[in-house]
Amino acid sequence: MENHIRVLRKNMKISQEELATRCNVTRQTINAIENDKYDPTLQLAFKLSATLKTSVDEIFIYERERE
C-alpha cells in the first residue's frame, strides 16, 4: 500500500525518529512504512493520521488488486 508519510513528515519538519516517538514505535517501523515494506495496523494508521494532522485516507493510497 502506497503512502504519503514521508512528504507529510517532511512538511512538518520532523524526523523519522520524532514521528516514531510520537507514535510509540521504532524509527525502523516508520522507515519500513515509508518504503512500502510494511503496512501498519489500523491503530498505528490512526496514530499516524493524528500526529500528521490529516486523515487516514489522505495518508494511504489503497489500490484494489485486479481480479
Protein backbone atom coordinates (compact mmCIF):
# COMPACT_ATOMS: atom_id res chain seq x y z
CA MET A 1 0.00 0.00 0.00
CA GLU A 2 1.48 3.32 -1.03
CA ASN A 3 1.51 6.28 1.33
CA HIS A 4 2.40 9.95 1.70
CA ILE A 5 4.03 9.71 5.12
CA ARG A 6 7.47 10.91 4.01
CA VAL A 7 6.05 14.01 2.31
CA LEU A 8 3.73 14.86 5.21
CA ARG A 9 6.50 14.27 7.75
CA LYS A 10 8.94 16.49 5.87
CA ASN A 11 6.31 19.21 5.51
CA MET A 12 6.03 19.20 9.31
CA LYS A 13 9.85 19.23 9.54
CA ILE A 14 10.05 16.19 11.79
CA SER A 15 12.42 13.25 11.53
CA GLN A 16 11.52 9.59 11.30
CA GLU A 17 12.73 9.31 14.89
CA GLU A 18 10.43 12.11 16.06
CA LEU A 19 7.43 10.61 14.28
CA ALA A 20 8.25 7.19 15.72
CA THR A 21 8.48 8.60 19.24
CA ARG A 22 5.14 10.40 18.89
CA CYS A 23 3.50 7.19 17.61
CA ASN A 24 5.25 4.92 20.13
CA VAL A 25 7.02 2.77 17.51
CA THR A 26 10.61 2.42 16.34
CA ARG A 27 12.26 4.53 13.66
CA GLN A 28 12.70 1.32 11.67
CA THR A 29 8.92 0.86 11.63
CA ILE A 30 8.42 4.33 10.18
CA ASN A 31 11.15 3.68 7.63
CA ALA A 32 9.56 0.38 6.59
CA ILE A 33 6.14 2.02 6.20
CA GLU A 34 7.57 4.91 4.18
CA ASN A 35 9.32 2.44 1.88
CA ASP A 36 6.20 0.30 1.35
CA LYS A 37 7.75 -2.68 3.13
CA TYR A 38 5.23 -2.78 5.99
CA ASP A 39 1.53 -2.00 6.23
CA PRO A 40 0.71 -0.52 9.64
CA THR A 41 -2.02 -1.79 11.90
CA LEU A 42 -5.25 0.19 11.96
CA GLN A 43 -4.32 1.55 15.39
CA LEU A 44 -0.95 2.80 14.10
CA ALA A 45 -2.57 4.28 10.99
CA PHE A 46 -4.83 6.36 13.25
CA LYS A 47 -1.85 7.42 15.40
CA LEU A 48 -0.02 8.49 12.25
CA SER A 49 -3.01 10.45 11.00
CA ALA A 50 -3.41 12.26 14.32
CA THR A 51 0.30 13.07 14.50
CA LEU A 52 0.48 14.20 10.88
CA LYS A 53 -2.78 16.15 11.29
CA THR A 54 -4.58 14.58 8.36
CA SER A 55 -6.99 11.73 7.70
CA VAL A 56 -6.01 8.12 7.19
CA ASP A 57 -7.33 8.16 3.63
CA GLU A 58 -5.13 11.19 2.85
CA ILE A 59 -2.05 9.26 4.03
CA PHE A 60 -2.62 5.86 2.46
CA ILE A 61 -3.42 5.02 -1.15
CA TYR A 62 -5.31 1.76 -1.40
CA GLU A 63 -5.16 0.07 -4.77
CA ARG A 64 -7.51 -2.84 -5.11
CA GLU A 65 -5.89 -5.85 -6.76
CA ARG A 66 -7.31 -6.69 -10.16
CA GLU A 67 -9.08 -9.99 -10.39
